[in-house]
Protein backbone atom coordinates (compact mmCIF):
# COMPACT_ATOMS: atom_id res chain seq x y z
CA UNK A 1 0.00 0.00 0.00
CA UNK A 2 1.36 3.42 -0.92
CA UNK A 3 0.93 6.33 1.45
CA UNK A 4 0.62 9.93 0.38
CA UNK A 5 1.13 12.78 2.83
CA UNK A 6 0.13 16.33 1.99
CA UNK A 7 2.92 18.07 3.84
CA UNK A 8 3.66 21.56 5.10
CA UNK A 9 7.27 21.76 6.31
CA UNK A 10 6.33 24.70 8.60
CA UNK A 11 3.70 22.61 10.39
CA UNK A 12 4.88 20.79 13.52
CA UNK A 13 2.14 18.14 13.22
CA UNK A 14 3.15 17.42 9.64
CA UNK A 15 6.83 17.13 10.63
CA UNK A 16 5.88 14.85 13.54
CA UNK A 17 3.88 12.64 11.18
CA UNK A 18 6.82 12.30 8.80
CA UNK A 19 9.12 11.44 11.72
CA UNK A 20 6.69 8.78 12.92
CA UNK A 21 6.48 7.24 9.46
CA UNK A 22 10.28 7.27 9.15
CA UNK A 23 10.59 5.58 12.57
CA UNK A 24 8.26 2.85 11.31
CA UNK A 25 10.37 2.57 8.13
CA UNK A 26 7.52 3.81 5.94
CA UNK A 27 8.46 6.01 3.01
CA UNK A 28 5.44 8.02 1.90
CA UNK A 29 5.00 10.03 -1.25
CA UNK A 30 5.31 13.62 -0.02
CA UNK A 31 3.30 16.38 -1.66
CA UNK A 32 4.01 19.86 -0.35
CA UNK A 33 0.51 21.22 -0.73
CA UNK A 34 1.55 24.87 -0.52
CA UNK A 35 3.66 24.58 -3.67
CA UNK A 36 1.63 21.82 -5.37
CA UNK A 37 -1.96 22.20 -4.18
CA UNK A 38 -4.35 19.34 -4.85
CA UNK A 39 -7.10 19.90 -7.39
CA UNK A 40 -10.72 20.28 -6.35
CA UNK A 41 -11.31 16.69 -7.48
CA UNK A 42 -8.38 15.42 -5.38
CA UNK A 43 -9.71 17.32 -2.34
CA UNK A 44 -13.14 15.81 -2.93
CA UNK A 45 -11.63 12.29 -3.05
CA UNK A 46 -9.57 12.87 0.10
CA UNK A 47 -12.62 14.16 1.97
CA UNK A 48 -14.65 11.17 0.87
CA UNK A 49 -11.96 8.72 2.05
CA UNK A 50 -11.68 10.48 5.40
CA UNK A 51 -15.43 10.98 5.84
CA UNK A 52 -14.83 14.67 6.51
CA UNK A 53 -16.27 17.98 5.38
CA UNK A 54 -13.98 20.44 3.59
CA UNK A 55 -14.06 22.86 6.53
CA UNK A 56 -12.26 20.24 8.66
CA UNK A 57 -9.13 20.70 6.50
CA UNK A 58 -9.00 24.45 7.12
CA UNK A 59 -6.12 25.68 9.27
CA UNK A 60 -8.11 28.03 11.48
CA UNK A 61 -5.13 29.32 13.46
CA UNK A 62 -3.54 30.83 10.34
CA UNK A 63 -3.75 34.60 9.89
CA UNK A 64 -5.16 34.19 6.37
CA UNK A 65 -8.16 32.32 7.77
CA UNK A 66 -8.68 34.88 10.51
CA UNK A 67 -8.42 37.80 8.07
CA UNK A 68 -10.58 36.49 5.24
CA UNK A 69 -12.72 33.55 6.30
CA UNK A 70 -13.47 33.61 10.02
CA UNK A 71 -16.99 34.49 11.11
CA UNK A 72 -18.48 33.60 7.73
CA UNK A 73 -20.46 30.53 6.79
CA UNK A 74 -19.45 28.62 3.66
CA UNK A 75 -20.94 25.54 2.08
CA UNK A 76 -18.84 22.43 1.63
CA UNK A 77 -18.57 23.21 -2.09
CA UNK A 78 -17.39 26.77 -1.34
CA UNK A 79 -14.76 25.47 1.11
CA UNK A 80 -13.46 23.07 -1.55
CA UNK A 81 -13.08 25.99 -3.95
CA UNK A 82 -11.34 28.08 -1.26
CA UNK A 83 -8.97 25.23 -0.44
C-alpha atoms as a PDB file:
ATOM      1  CA  UNK A   1       0.000   0.000   0.000  1.00  0.00           C
ATOM      2  CA  UNK A   2       1.360   3.418  -0.918  1.00  0.00           C
ATOM      3  CA  UNK A   3       0.933   6.326   1.454  1.00  0.00           C
ATOM      4  CA  UNK A   4       0.618   9.933   0.383  1.00  0.00           C
ATOM      5  CA  UNK A   5       1.126  12.776   2.827  1.00  0.00           C
ATOM      6  CA  UNK A   6       0.132  16.331   1.986  1.00  0.00           C
ATOM      7  CA  UNK A   7       2.924  18.073   3.843  1.00  0.00           C
ATOM      8  CA  UNK A   8       3.662  21.558   5.098  1.00  0.00           C
ATOM      9  CA  UNK A   9       7.266  21.760   6.313  1.00  0.00           C
ATOM     10  CA  UNK A  10       6.334  24.703   8.600  1.00  0.00           C
ATOM     11  CA  UNK A  11       3.702  22.608  10.391  1.00  0.00           C
ATOM     12  CA  UNK A  12       4.880  20.790  13.521  1.00  0.00           C
ATOM     13  CA  UNK A  13       2.138  18.137  13.217  1.00  0.00           C
ATOM     14  CA  UNK A  14       3.152  17.421   9.643  1.00  0.00           C
ATOM     15  CA  UNK A  15       6.827  17.132  10.625  1.00  0.00           C
ATOM     16  CA  UNK A  16       5.880  14.847  13.539  1.00  0.00           C
ATOM     17  CA  UNK A  17       3.877  12.641  11.183  1.00  0.00           C
ATOM     18  CA  UNK A  18       6.820  12.299   8.802  1.00  0.00           C
ATOM     19  CA  UNK A  19       9.119  11.443  11.720  1.00  0.00           C
ATOM     20  CA  UNK A  20       6.688   8.778  12.924  1.00  0.00           C
ATOM     21  CA  UNK A  21       6.477   7.235   9.458  1.00  0.00           C
ATOM     22  CA  UNK A  22      10.283   7.265   9.151  1.00  0.00           C
ATOM     23  CA  UNK A  23      10.588   5.585  12.574  1.00  0.00           C
ATOM     24  CA  UNK A  24       8.260   2.847  11.305  1.00  0.00           C
ATOM     25  CA  UNK A  25      10.373   2.571   8.132  1.00  0.00           C
ATOM     26  CA  UNK A  26       7.522   3.808   5.940  1.00  0.00           C
ATOM     27  CA  UNK A  27       8.459   6.005   3.013  1.00  0.00           C
ATOM     28  CA  UNK A  28       5.444   8.017   1.900  1.00  0.00           C
ATOM     29  CA  UNK A  29       4.999  10.030  -1.249  1.00  0.00           C
ATOM     30  CA  UNK A  30       5.312  13.619  -0.022  1.00  0.00           C
ATOM     31  CA  UNK A  31       3.304  16.376  -1.662  1.00  0.00           C
ATOM     32  CA  UNK A  32       4.013  19.864  -0.353  1.00  0.00           C
ATOM     33  CA  UNK A  33       0.507  21.218  -0.733  1.00  0.00           C
ATOM     34  CA  UNK A  34       1.553  24.874  -0.515  1.00  0.00           C
ATOM     35  CA  UNK A  35       3.663  24.576  -3.672  1.00  0.00           C
ATOM     36  CA  UNK A  36       1.630  21.821  -5.368  1.00  0.00           C
ATOM     37  CA  UNK A  37      -1.955  22.199  -4.179  1.00  0.00           C
ATOM     38  CA  UNK A  38      -4.347  19.341  -4.850  1.00  0.00           C
ATOM     39  CA  UNK A  39      -7.100  19.902  -7.390  1.00  0.00           C
ATOM     40  CA  UNK A  40     -10.721  20.280  -6.352  1.00  0.00           C
ATOM     41  CA  UNK A  41     -11.307  16.688  -7.482  1.00  0.00           C
ATOM     42  CA  UNK A  42      -8.375  15.423  -5.375  1.00  0.00           C
ATOM     43  CA  UNK A  43      -9.709  17.321  -2.344  1.00  0.00           C
ATOM     44  CA  UNK A  44     -13.137  15.810  -2.930  1.00  0.00           C
ATOM     45  CA  UNK A  45     -11.626  12.288  -3.054  1.00  0.00           C
ATOM     46  CA  UNK A  46      -9.569  12.874   0.097  1.00  0.00           C
ATOM     47  CA  UNK A  47     -12.616  14.159   1.971  1.00  0.00           C
ATOM     48  CA  UNK A  48     -14.649  11.166   0.866  1.00  0.00           C
ATOM     49  CA  UNK A  49     -11.956   8.724   2.049  1.00  0.00           C
ATOM     50  CA  UNK A  50     -11.682  10.482   5.405  1.00  0.00           C
ATOM     51  CA  UNK A  51     -15.434  10.977   5.844  1.00  0.00           C
ATOM     52  CA  UNK A  52     -14.828  14.672   6.508  1.00  0.00           C
ATOM     53  CA  UNK A  53     -16.268  17.978   5.377  1.00  0.00           C
ATOM     54  CA  UNK A  54     -13.978  20.440   3.592  1.00  0.00           C
ATOM     55  CA  UNK A  55     -14.062  22.861   6.528  1.00  0.00           C
ATOM     56  CA  UNK A  56     -12.263  20.244   8.657  1.00  0.00           C
ATOM     57  CA  UNK A  57      -9.134  20.698   6.501  1.00  0.00           C
ATOM     58  CA  UNK A  58      -8.997  24.446   7.120  1.00  0.00           C
ATOM     59  CA  UNK A  59      -6.117  25.680   9.270  1.00  0.00           C
ATOM     60  CA  UNK A  60      -8.107  28.029  11.478  1.00  0.00           C
ATOM     61  CA  UNK A  61      -5.134  29.323  13.460  1.00  0.00           C
ATOM     62  CA  UNK A  62      -3.540  30.829  10.339  1.00  0.00           C
ATOM     63  CA  UNK A  63      -3.747  34.595   9.893  1.00  0.00           C
ATOM     64  CA  UNK A  64      -5.163  34.189   6.367  1.00  0.00           C
ATOM     65  CA  UNK A  65      -8.158  32.317   7.770  1.00  0.00           C
ATOM     66  CA  UNK A  66      -8.675  34.884  10.508  1.00  0.00           C
ATOM     67  CA  UNK A  67      -8.420  37.802   8.074  1.00  0.00           C
ATOM     68  CA  UNK A  68     -10.582  36.492   5.240  1.00  0.00           C
ATOM     69  CA  UNK A  69     -12.724  33.555   6.298  1.00  0.00           C
ATOM     70  CA  UNK A  70     -13.475  33.613  10.020  1.00  0.00           C
ATOM     71  CA  UNK A  71     -16.987  34.487  11.115  1.00  0.00           C
ATOM     72  CA  UNK A  72     -18.476  33.596   7.732  1.00  0.00           C
ATOM     73  CA  UNK A  73     -20.459  30.534   6.786  1.00  0.00           C
ATOM     74  CA  UNK A  74     -19.450  28.624   3.661  1.00  0.00           C
ATOM     75  CA  UNK A  75     -20.942  25.537   2.081  1.00  0.00           C
ATOM     76  CA  UNK A  76     -18.836  22.426   1.631  1.00  0.00           C
ATOM     77  CA  UNK A  77     -18.574  23.215  -2.093  1.00  0.00           C
ATOM     78  CA  UNK A  78     -17.390  26.765  -1.338  1.00  0.00           C
ATOM     79  CA  UNK A  79     -14.757  25.471   1.109  1.00  0.00           C
ATOM     80  CA  UNK A  80     -13.460  23.066  -1.550  1.00  0.00           C
ATOM     81  CA  UNK A  81     -13.080  25.995  -3.946  1.00  0.00           C
ATOM     82  CA  UNK A  82     -11.345  28.075  -1.261  1.00  0.00           C
ATOM     83  CA  UNK A  83      -8.967  25.231  -0.443  1.00  0.00           C
END
